[in-house]
Amino acid sequence: MTVGNGMIFAGTSPGRLYVSKATDTESDPFTYLTSLEGCHSGEVT
């Protein structure tokens, strides 16, 4: 997991990367933005 520019990037072992952005609300501190999935060559698409 890496944090940068108010965003969290979290990777999973199957090769998926989840991206969330920090908000200023206490009830929902992060908003899901997108997920990226790597292909067999290890590239992130």
Protein backbone atom coordinates (compact mmCIF):
# COMPACT_ATOMS: atom_id res chain seq x y z
CA MET A 1 0.00 0.00 0.00
CA THR A 2 1.27 3.45 -0.92
CA VAL A 3 -0.13 6.88 -0.09
CA GLY A 4 0.53 9.91 -2.29
CA ASN A 5 -1.28 13.15 -3.17
CA GLY A 6 -4.19 12.23 -0.91
CA MET A 7 -4.70 8.89 -2.68
CA ILE A 8 -4.18 5.31 -1.53
CA PHE A 9 -2.90 2.67 -3.93
CA ALA A 10 -3.37 -0.88 -2.63
CA GLY A 11 -2.18 -3.93 -4.56
CA THR A 12 -3.38 -7.52 -4.28
CA SER A 13 -1.56 -10.78 -5.02
CA PRO A 14 -3.69 -11.60 -8.11
CA GLY A 15 -2.33 -8.40 -9.71
CA ARG A 16 -5.12 -5.93 -9.06
CA LEU A 17 -4.48 -2.37 -7.87
CA TYR A 18 -7.22 -0.41 -6.05
CA VAL A 19 -7.15 3.39 -5.95
CA SER A 20 -9.05 5.52 -3.41
CA LYS A 21 -8.94 9.26 -2.69
CA ALA A 22 -9.03 10.81 0.77
CA THR A 23 -12.01 13.02 1.62
CA ASP A 24 -12.64 15.46 4.45
CA THR A 25 -15.70 13.62 5.78
CA GLU A 26 -15.36 11.49 8.87
CA SER A 27 -18.19 9.11 7.93
CA ASP A 28 -16.55 8.15 4.61
CA PRO A 29 -12.84 9.04 4.76
CA PHE A 30 -11.98 7.49 1.36
CA THR A 31 -13.78 7.46 -1.97
CA TYR A 32 -13.13 4.52 -4.30
CA LEU A 33 -11.85 5.77 -7.67
CA THR A 34 -10.90 2.77 -9.79
CA SER A 35 -9.10 -0.53 -9.99
CA LEU A 36 -6.38 -1.53 -12.40
CA GLU A 37 -5.58 -5.09 -13.39
CA GLY A 38 -2.25 -6.40 -14.61
CA CYS A 39 -2.07 -8.79 -17.54
CA HIS A 40 0.13 -11.87 -17.85
CA SER A 41 3.18 -9.79 -18.75
CA GLY A 42 3.01 -7.82 -15.49
CA GLU A 43 1.86 -4.60 -17.15
CA VAL A 44 -0.79 -2.48 -15.44
CA THR A 45 -3.60 -1.55 -17.82
